[in-house]
């Protein structure tokens, strides 16, 4: 999977969570201890944003990152699912 697609999806999900909580970008930045420009960069999937900024935003939103496979599982990996 392309890394820009991953950052785009993550930025979209973080923006949606921020909006659902009624936070402005400035308010989220203040909670996360980063600049508003960094929040904008995260939401616009800027590849230059470091993991620490993502971690601070996730923590400020009471969220965590879950790593899941981007590929379809093989048949032997889903054995027993349809039993």
PDB file of N, CA and C in Angstrom:
ATOM      1  N   UNK A   1       0.855  -1.173   0.000  1.00  0.00           N
ATOM      2  CA  UNK A   1       0.000   0.000   0.000  1.00  0.00           C
ATOM      3  C   UNK A   1       0.898   1.232   0.000  1.00  0.00           C
ATOM      4  N   UNK A   2       0.483   2.236  -0.695  1.00  0.00           N
ATOM      5  CA  UNK A   2       1.221   3.487  -0.819  1.00  0.00           C
ATOM      6  C   UNK A   2       1.196   4.268   0.500  1.00  0.00           C
ATOM      7  N   UNK A   3       2.345   4.785   0.928  1.00  0.00           N
ATOM      8  CA  UNK A   3       2.420   5.501   2.205  1.00  0.00           C
ATOM      9  C   UNK A   3       1.570   6.771   2.206  1.00  0.00           C
ATOM     10  N   UNK A   4       1.419   7.414   1.057  1.00  0.00           N
ATOM     11  CA  UNK A   4       0.585   8.623   1.027  1.00  0.00           C
ATOM     12  C   UNK A   4      -0.889   8.279   1.242  1.00  0.00           C
ATOM     13  N   UNK A   5      -1.319   7.106   0.810  1.00  0.00           N
ATOM     14  CA  UNK A   5      -2.698   6.675   1.056  1.00  0.00           C
ATOM     15  C   UNK A   5      -2.917   6.419   2.548  1.00  0.00           C
ATOM     16  N   UNK A   6      -1.920   5.871   3.208  1.00  0.00           N
ATOM     17  CA  UNK A   6      -2.020   5.621   4.648  1.00  0.00           C
ATOM     18  C   UNK A   6      -2.137   6.932   5.406  1.00  0.00           C
ATOM     19  N   UNK A   7      -1.274   7.899   5.093  1.00  0.00           N
ATOM     20  CA  UNK A   7      -1.333   9.186   5.791  1.00  0.00           C
ATOM     21  C   UNK A   7      -2.621   9.929   5.467  1.00  0.00           C
ATOM     22  N   UNK A   8      -3.130   9.761   4.247  1.00  0.00           N
ATOM     23  CA  UNK A   8      -4.404  10.392   3.887  1.00  0.00           C
ATOM     24  C   UNK A   8      -5.540   9.811   4.725  1.00  0.00           C
ATOM     25  N   UNK A   9      -5.588   8.499   4.834  1.00  0.00           N
ATOM     26  CA  UNK A   9      -6.640   7.859   5.633  1.00  0.00           C
ATOM     27  C   UNK A   9      -6.549   8.256   7.105  1.00  0.00           C
ATOM     28  N   UNK A  10      -5.326   8.284   7.621  1.00  0.00           N
ATOM     29  CA  UNK A  10      -5.133   8.655   9.014  1.00  0.00           C
ATOM     30  C   UNK A  10      -5.534  10.112   9.243  1.00  0.00           C
ATOM     31  N   UNK A  11      -5.118  10.997   8.351  1.00  0.00           N
ATOM     32  CA  UNK A  11      -5.497  12.402   8.461  1.00  0.00           C
ATOM     33  C   UNK A  11      -6.998  12.601   8.405  1.00  0.00           C
ATOM     34  N   UNK A  12      -7.658  11.873   7.511  1.00  0.00           N
ATOM     35  CA  UNK A  12      -9.120  11.960   7.397  1.00  0.00           C
ATOM     36  C   UNK A  12      -9.797  11.495   8.688  1.00  0.00           C
ATOM     37  N   UNK A  13      -9.312  10.390   9.247  1.00  0.00           N
ATOM     38  CA  UNK A  13      -9.910   9.860  10.477  1.00  0.00           C
ATOM     39  C   UNK A  13      -9.680  10.789  11.657  1.00  0.00           C
ATOM     40  N   UNK A  14      -8.499  11.391  11.730  1.00  0.00           N
ATOM     41  CA  UNK A  14      -8.227  12.322  12.818  1.00  0.00           C
ATOM     42  C   UNK A  14      -9.066  13.593  12.685  1.00  0.00           C
ATOM     43  N   UNK A  15      -9.218  14.092  11.462  1.00  0.00           N
ATOM     44  CA  UNK A  15     -10.061  15.267  11.233  1.00  0.00           C
ATOM     45  C   UNK A  15     -11.508  14.961  11.618  1.00  0.00           C
ATOM     46  N   UNK A  16     -12.002  13.795  11.232  1.00  0.00           N
ATOM     47  CA  UNK A  16     -13.373  13.413  11.566  1.00  0.00           C
ATOM     48  C   UNK A  16     -13.559  13.315  13.081  1.00  0.00           C
ATOM     49  N   UNK A  17     -12.588  12.726  13.760  1.00  0.00           N
ATOM     50  CA  UNK A  17     -12.681  12.609  15.224  1.00  0.00           C
ATOM     51  C   UNK A  17     -12.638  13.989  15.879  1.00  0.00           C
ATOM     52  N   UNK A  18     -11.768  14.877  15.360  1.00  0.00           N
ATOM     53  CA  UNK A  18     -11.691  16.230  15.892  1.00  0.00           C
ATOM     54  C   UNK A  18     -13.023  16.944  15.727  1.00  0.00           C
ATOM     55  N   UNK A  19     -13.601  16.852  14.556  1.00  0.00           N
ATOM     56  CA  UNK A  19     -14.886  17.510  14.285  1.00  0.00           C
ATOM     57  C   UNK A  19     -16.003  16.915  15.138  1.00  0.00           C
ATOM     58  N   UNK A  20     -16.007  15.601  15.287  1.00  0.00           N
ATOM     59  CA  UNK A  20     -17.024  14.949  16.118  1.00  0.00           C
ATOM     60  C   UNK A  20     -16.948  15.398  17.571  1.00  0.00           C
ATOM     61  N   UNK A  21     -15.772  15.753  18.017  1.00  0.00           N
ATOM     62  CA  UNK A  21     -15.602  16.241  19.389  1.00  0.00           C
ATOM     63  C   UNK A  21     -15.830  17.747  19.491  1.00  0.00           C
ATOM     64  N   UNK A  22     -16.112  18.398  18.349  1.00  0.00           N
ATOM     65  CA  UNK A  22     -16.392  19.830  18.354  1.00  0.00           C
ATOM     66  C   UNK A  22     -15.167  20.698  18.567  1.00  0.00           C
ATOM     67  N   UNK A  23     -14.006  20.183  18.198  1.00  0.00           N
ATOM     68  CA  UNK A  23     -12.766  20.927  18.386  1.00  0.00           C
ATOM     69  C   UNK A  23     -12.352  21.635  17.107  1.00  0.00           C
ATOM     70  N   UNK A  24     -11.840  22.829  17.249  1.00  0.00           N
ATOM     71  CA  UNK A  24     -11.209  23.506  16.117  1.00  0.00           C
ATOM     72  C   UNK A  24      -9.785  22.976  15.992  1.00  0.00           C
ATOM     73  N   UNK A  25      -9.141  23.291  14.873  1.00  0.00           N
ATOM     74  CA  UNK A  25      -7.747  22.890  14.718  1.00  0.00           C
ATOM     75  C   UNK A  25      -6.886  23.549  15.788  1.00  0.00           C
ATOM     76  N   UNK A  26      -7.181  24.794  16.106  1.00  0.00           N
ATOM     77  CA  UNK A  26      -6.415  25.518  17.130  1.00  0.00           C
ATOM     78  C   UNK A  26      -6.602  24.879  18.510  1.00  0.00           C
ATOM     79  N   UNK A  27      -7.826  24.475  18.821  1.00  0.00           N
ATOM     80  CA  UNK A  27      -8.091  23.844  20.117  1.00  0.00           C
ATOM     81  C   UNK A  27      -7.372  22.502  20.216  1.00  0.00           C
ATOM     82  N   UNK A  28      -7.403  21.721  19.147  1.00  0.00           N
ATOM     83  CA  UNK A  28      -6.697  20.441  19.144  1.00  0.00           C
ATOM     84  C   UNK A  28      -5.194  20.664  19.284  1.00  0.00           C
ATOM     85  N   UNK A  29      -4.677  21.644  18.584  1.00  0.00           N
ATOM     86  CA  UNK A  29      -3.251  21.953  18.671  1.00  0.00           C
ATOM     87  C   UNK A  29      -2.864  22.293  20.105  1.00  0.00           C
ATOM     88  N   UNK A  30      -3.685  23.083  20.777  1.00  0.00           N
ATOM     89  CA  UNK A  30      -3.409  23.453  22.163  1.00  0.00           C
ATOM     90  C   UNK A  30      -3.429  22.217  23.069  1.00  0.00           C
ATOM     91  N   UNK A  31      -4.411  21.338  22.872  1.00  0.00           N
ATOM     92  CA  UNK A  31      -4.494  20.111  23.673  1.00  0.00           C
ATOM     93  C   UNK A  31      -3.292  19.190  23.428  1.00  0.00           C
ATOM     94  N   UNK A  32      -2.844  19.157  22.175  1.00  0.00           N
ATOM     95  CA  UNK A  32      -1.756  18.258  21.800  1.00  0.00           C
ATOM     96  C   UNK A  32      -0.375  18.862  22.051  1.00  0.00           C
ATOM     97  N   UNK A  33      -0.317  20.156  22.287  1.00  0.00           N
ATOM     98  CA  UNK A  33       0.975  20.802  22.506  1.00  0.00           C
ATOM     99  C   UNK A  33       1.790  20.960  21.237  1.00  0.00           C
ATOM    100  N   UNK A  34       1.088  21.133  20.112  1.00  0.00           N
ATOM    101  CA  UNK A  34       1.754  21.363  18.831  1.00  0.00           C
ATOM    102  C   UNK A  34       1.141  22.599  18.187  1.00  0.00           C
ATOM    103  N   UNK A  35       1.662  23.015  17.060  1.00  0.00           N
ATOM    104  CA  UNK A  35       1.127  24.191  16.385  1.00  0.00           C
ATOM    105  C   UNK A  35      -0.097  23.833  15.547  1.00  0.00           C
ATOM    106  N   UNK A  36      -0.914  24.829  15.281  1.00  0.00           N
ATOM    107  CA  UNK A  36      -2.077  24.628  14.409  1.00  0.00           C
ATOM    108  C   UNK A  36      -1.613  24.206  13.014  1.00  0.00           C
ATOM    109  N   UNK A  37      -0.496  24.744  12.566  1.00  0.00           N
ATOM    110  CA  UNK A  37       0.040  24.382  11.251  1.00  0.00           C
ATOM    111  C   UNK A  37       0.367  22.897  11.179  1.00  0.00           C
ATOM    112  N   UNK A  38       0.816  22.331  12.301  1.00  0.00           N
ATOM    113  CA  UNK A  38       1.111  20.900  12.333  1.00  0.00           C
ATOM    114  C   UNK A  38      -0.177  20.085  12.240  1.00  0.00           C
ATOM    115  N   UNK A  39      -1.246  20.548  12.906  1.00  0.00           N
ATOM    116  CA  UNK A  39      -2.545  19.870  12.803  1.00  0.00           C
ATOM    117  C   UNK A  39      -3.031  19.924  11.354  1.00  0.00           C
ATOM    118  N   UNK A  40      -2.894  21.079  10.733  1.00  0.00           N
ATOM    119  CA  UNK A  40      -3.295  21.216   9.319  1.00  0.00           C
ATOM    120  C   UNK A  40      -2.494  20.239   8.461  1.00  0.00           C
ATOM    121  N   UNK A  41      -1.192  20.147   8.689  1.00  0.00           N
ATOM    122  CA  UNK A  41      -0.337  19.245   7.913  1.00  0.00           C
ATOM    123  C   UNK A  41      -0.769  17.791   8.097  1.00  0.00           C
ATOM    124  N   UNK A  42      -1.126  17.419   9.316  1.00  0.00           N
ATOM    125  CA  UNK A  42      -1.592  16.052   9.580  1.00  0.00           C
ATOM    126  C   UNK A  42      -2.885  15.787   8.819  1.00  0.00           C
ATOM    127  N   UNK A  43      -3.806  16.725   8.877  1.00  0.00           N
ATOM    128  CA  UNK A  43      -5.097  16.521   8.219  1.00  0.00           C
ATOM    129  C   UNK A  43      -4.988  16.576   6.695  1.00  0.00           C
ATOM    130  N   UNK A  44      -3.935  17.184   6.179  1.00  0.00           N
ATOM    131  CA  UNK A  44      -3.726  17.250   4.724  1.00  0.00           C
ATOM    132  C   UNK A  44      -2.722  16.209   4.254  1.00  0.00           C
ATOM    133  N   UNK A  45      -2.445  15.227   5.089  1.00  0.00           N
ATOM    134  CA  UNK A  45      -1.533  14.108   4.824  1.00  0.00           C
ATOM    135  C   UNK A  45      -0.165  14.535   4.302  1.00  0.00           C
ATOM    136  N   UNK A  46       0.420  15.522   4.961  1.00  0.00           N
ATOM    137  CA  UNK A  46       1.775  15.965   4.649  1.00  0.00           C
ATOM    138  C   UNK A  46       2.754  14.899   5.144  1.00  0.00           C
ATOM    139  N   UNK A  47       3.526  14.335   4.233  1.00  0.00           N
ATOM    140  CA  UNK A  47       4.426  13.237   4.583  1.00  0.00           C
ATOM    141  C   UNK A  47       5.605  13.667   5.448  1.00  0.00           C
ATOM    142  N   UNK A  48       5.796  14.969   5.648  1.00  0.00           N
ATOM    143  CA  UNK A  48       6.930  15.435   6.452  1.00  0.00           C
ATOM    144  C   UNK A  48       6.628  15.464   7.950  1.00  0.00           C
ATOM    145  N   UNK A  49       5.385  15.184   8.344  1.00  0.00           N
ATOM    146  CA  UNK A  49       5.006  15.208   9.761  1.00  0.00           C
ATOM    147  C   UNK A  49       5.576  13.989  10.469  1.00  0.00           C
ATOM    148  N   UNK A  50       6.213  14.224  11.603  1.00  0.00           N
ATOM    149  CA  UNK A  50       6.828  13.132  12.362  1.00  0.00           C
ATOM    150  C   UNK A  50       5.821  12.379  13.209  1.00  0.00           C
ATOM    151  N   UNK A  51       6.216  11.190  13.627  1.00  0.00           N
ATOM    152  CA  UNK A  51       5.347  10.336  14.439  1.00  0.00           C
ATOM    153  C   UNK A  51       4.983  10.970  15.775  1.00  0.00           C
ATOM    154  N   UNK A  52       5.866  11.785  16.345  1.00  0.00           N
ATOM    155  CA  UNK A  52       5.571  12.399  17.637  1.00  0.00           C
ATOM    156  C   UNK A  52       4.359  13.320  17.527  1.00  0.00           C
ATOM    157  N   UNK A  53       4.231  14.041  16.417  1.00  0.00           N
ATOM    158  CA  UNK A  53       3.067  14.910  16.230  1.00  0.00           C
ATOM    159  C   UNK A  53       1.796  14.075  16.132  1.00  0.00           C
ATOM    160  N   UNK A  54       1.856  12.976  15.383  1.00  0.00           N
ATOM    161  CA  UNK A  54       0.692  12.081  15.302  1.00  0.00           C
ATOM    162  C   UNK A  54       0.354  11.525  16.680  1.00  0.00           C
ATOM    163  N   UNK A  55       1.372  11.115  17.434  1.00  0.00           N
ATOM    164  CA  UNK A  55       1.144  10.558  18.765  1.00  0.00           C
ATOM    165  C   UNK A  55       0.495  11.580  19.689  1.00  0.00           C
ATOM    166  N   UNK A  56       0.928  12.821  19.615  1.00  0.00           N
ATOM    167  CA  UNK A  56       0.349  13.865  20.465  1.00  0.00           C
ATOM    168  C   UNK A  56      -1.114  14.126  20.101  1.00  0.00           C
ATOM    169  N   UNK A  57      -1.412  14.133  18.809  1.00  0.00           N
ATOM    170  CA  UNK A  57      -2.797  14.353  18.369  1.00  0.00           C
ATOM    171  C   UNK A  57      -3.670  13.177  18.783  1.00  0.00           C
ATOM    172  N   UNK A  58      -3.183  11.966  18.581  1.00  0.00           N
ATOM    173  CA  UNK A  58      -3.944  10.787  18.996  1.00  0.00           C
ATOM    174  C   UNK A  58      -4.233  10.822  20.491  1.00  0.00           C
ATOM    175  N   UNK A  59      -3.233  11.169  21.290  1.00  0.00           N
ATOM    176  CA  UNK A  59      -3.427  11.241  22.735  1.00  0.00           C
ATOM    177  C   UNK A  59      -4.428  12.334  23.099  1.00  0.00           C
ATOM    178  N   UNK A  60      -4.348  13.483  22.445  1.00  0.00           N
ATOM    179  CA  UNK A  60      -5.272  14.587  22.724  1.00  0.00           C
ATOM    180  C   UNK A  60      -6.709  14.227  22.370  1.00  0.00           C
ATOM    181  N   UNK A  61      -6.875  13.342  21.404  1.00  0.00           N
ATOM    182  CA  UNK A  61      -8.209  12.905  20.984  1.00  0.00           C
ATOM    183  C   UNK A  61      -8.647  11.628  21.707  1.00  0.00           C
ATOM    184  N   UNK A  62      -7.872  11.195  22.694  1.00  0.00           N
ATOM    185  CA  UNK A  62      -8.161   9.949  23.411  1.00  0.00           C
ATOM    186  C   UNK A  62      -8.341   8.787  22.449  1.00  0.00           C
ATOM    187  N   UNK A  63      -7.393   8.685  21.520  1.00  0.00           N
ATOM    188  CA  UNK A  63      -7.445   7.641  20.500  1.00  0.00           C
ATOM    189  C   UNK A  63      -6.102   6.926  20.468  1.00  0.00           C
ATOM    190  N   UNK A  64      -6.084   5.796  19.817  1.00  0.00           N
ATOM    191  CA  UNK A  64      -4.828   5.087  19.609  1.00  0.00           C
ATOM    192  C   UNK A  64      -4.789   4.560  18.196  1.00  0.00           C
ATOM    193  N   UNK A  65      -3.611   4.262  17.743  1.00  0.00           N
ATOM    194  CA  UNK A  65      -3.392   3.760  16.399  1.00  0.00           C
ATOM    195  C   UNK A  65      -3.395   2.238  16.435  1.00  0.00           C
ATOM    196  N   UNK A  66      -4.175   1.630  15.577  1.00  0.00           N
ATOM    197  CA  UNK A  66      -4.208   0.184  15.464  1.00  0.00           C
ATOM    198  C   UNK A  66      -3.671  -0.203  14.098  1.00  0.00           C
ATOM    199  N   UNK A  67      -2.736  -1.114  14.077  1.00  0.00           N
ATOM    200  CA  UNK A  67      -2.135  -1.565  12.827  1.00  0.00           C
ATOM    201  C   UNK A  67      -2.893  -2.795  12.346  1.00  0.00           C
ATOM    202  N   UNK A  68      -3.411  -2.703  11.134  1.00  0.00           N
ATOM    203  CA  UNK A  68      -4.125  -3.820  10.516  1.00  0.00           C
ATOM    204  C   UNK A  68      -3.519  -4.101   9.148  1.00  0.00           C
ATOM    205  N   UNK A  69      -3.693  -5.292   8.682  1.00  0.00           N
ATOM    206  CA  UNK A  69      -3.164  -5.677   7.384  1.00  0.00           C
ATOM    207  C   UNK A  69      -3.886  -4.924   6.274  1.00  0.00           C
ATOM    208  N   UNK A  70      -3.120  -4.432   5.321  1.00  0.00           N
ATOM    209  CA  UNK A  70      -3.706  -3.738   4.180  1.00  0.00           C
ATOM    210  C   UNK A  70      -4.025  -4.705   3.052  1.00  0.00           C
ATOM    211  N   UNK A  71      -3.551  -5.934   3.172  1.00  0.00           N
ATOM    212  CA  UNK A  71      -3.778  -6.936   2.135  1.00  0.00           C
ATOM    213  C   UNK A  71      -4.919  -7.855   2.545  1.00  0.00           C
ATOM    214  N   UNK A  72      -5.516  -8.460   1.565  1.00  0.00           N
ATOM    215  CA  UNK A  72      -6.561  -9.439   1.827  1.00  0.00           C
ATOM    216  C   UNK A  72      -5.923 -10.650   2.497  1.00  0.00           C
ATOM    217  N   UNK A  73      -6.582 -11.224   3.512  1.00  0.00           N
ATOM    218  CA  UNK A  73      -6.010 -12.407   4.167  1.00  0.00           C
ATOM    219  C   UNK A  73      -6.017 -13.605   3.229  1.00  0.00           C
ATOM    220  N   UNK A  74      -5.056 -14.494   3.450  1.00  0.00           N
ATOM    221  CA  UNK A  74      -5.009 -15.737   2.678  1.00  0.00           C
ATOM    222  C   UNK A  74      -6.040 -16.704   3.248  1.00  0.00           C
ATOM    223  N   UNK A  75      -6.433 -17.685   2.473  1.00  0.00           N
ATOM    224  CA  UNK A  75      -7.430 -18.658   2.891  1.00  0.00           C
ATOM    225  C   UNK A  75      -7.015 -19.365   4.174  1.00  0.00           C
ATOM    226  N   UNK A  76      -5.728 -19.703   4.301  1.00  0.00           N
ATOM    227  CA  UNK A  76      -5.283 -20.401   5.512  1.00  0.00           C
ATOM    228  C   UNK A  76      -5.325 -19.495   6.744  1.00  0.00           C
ATOM    229  N   UNK A  77      -5.364 -18.184   6.558  1.00  0.00           N
ATOM    230  CA  UNK A  77      -5.434 -17.253   7.682  1.00  0.00           C
ATOM    231  C   UNK A  77      -6.856 -17.100   8.221  1.00  0.00           C
ATOM    232  N   UNK A  78      -7.856 -17.449   7.420  1.00  0.00           N
ATOM    233  CA  UNK A  78      -9.237 -17.317   7.877  1.00  0.00           C
ATOM    234  C   UNK A  78      -9.900 -18.676   8.110  1.00  0.00           C
ATOM    235  N   UNK A  79      -9.102 -19.718   8.171  1.00  0.00           N
ATOM    236  CA  UNK A  79      -9.631 -21.060   8.412  1.00  0.00           C
ATOM    237  C   UNK A  79     -10.462 -21.058   9.704  1.00  0.00           C
ATOM    238  N   UNK A  80     -11.632 -21.583   9.650  1.00  0.00           N
ATOM    239  CA  UNK A  80     -12.487 -21.680  10.815  1.00  0.00           C
ATOM    240  C   UNK A  80     -13.474 -20.535  10.948  1.00  0.00           C
ATOM    241  N   UNK A  81     -13.314 -19.498  10.152  1.00  0.00           N
ATOM    242  CA  UNK A  81     -14.223 -18.345  10.245  1.00  0.00           C
ATOM    243  C   UNK A  81     -15.624 -18.726   9.816  1.00  0.00           C
ATOM    244  N   UNK A  82     -15.732 -19.605   8.825  1.00  0.00           N
ATOM    245  CA  UNK A  82     -17.041 -19.953   8.272  1.00  0.00           C
ATOM    246  C   UNK A  82     -17.562 -21.293   8.769  1.00  0.00           C
ATOM    247  N   UNK A  83     -16.981 -21.820   9.848  1.00  0.00           N
ATOM    248  CA  UNK A  83     -17.436 -23.105  10.370  1.00  0.00           C
ATOM    249  C   UNK A  83     -18.708 -22.936  11.160  1.00  0.00           C
TER     250      UNK A  83
END
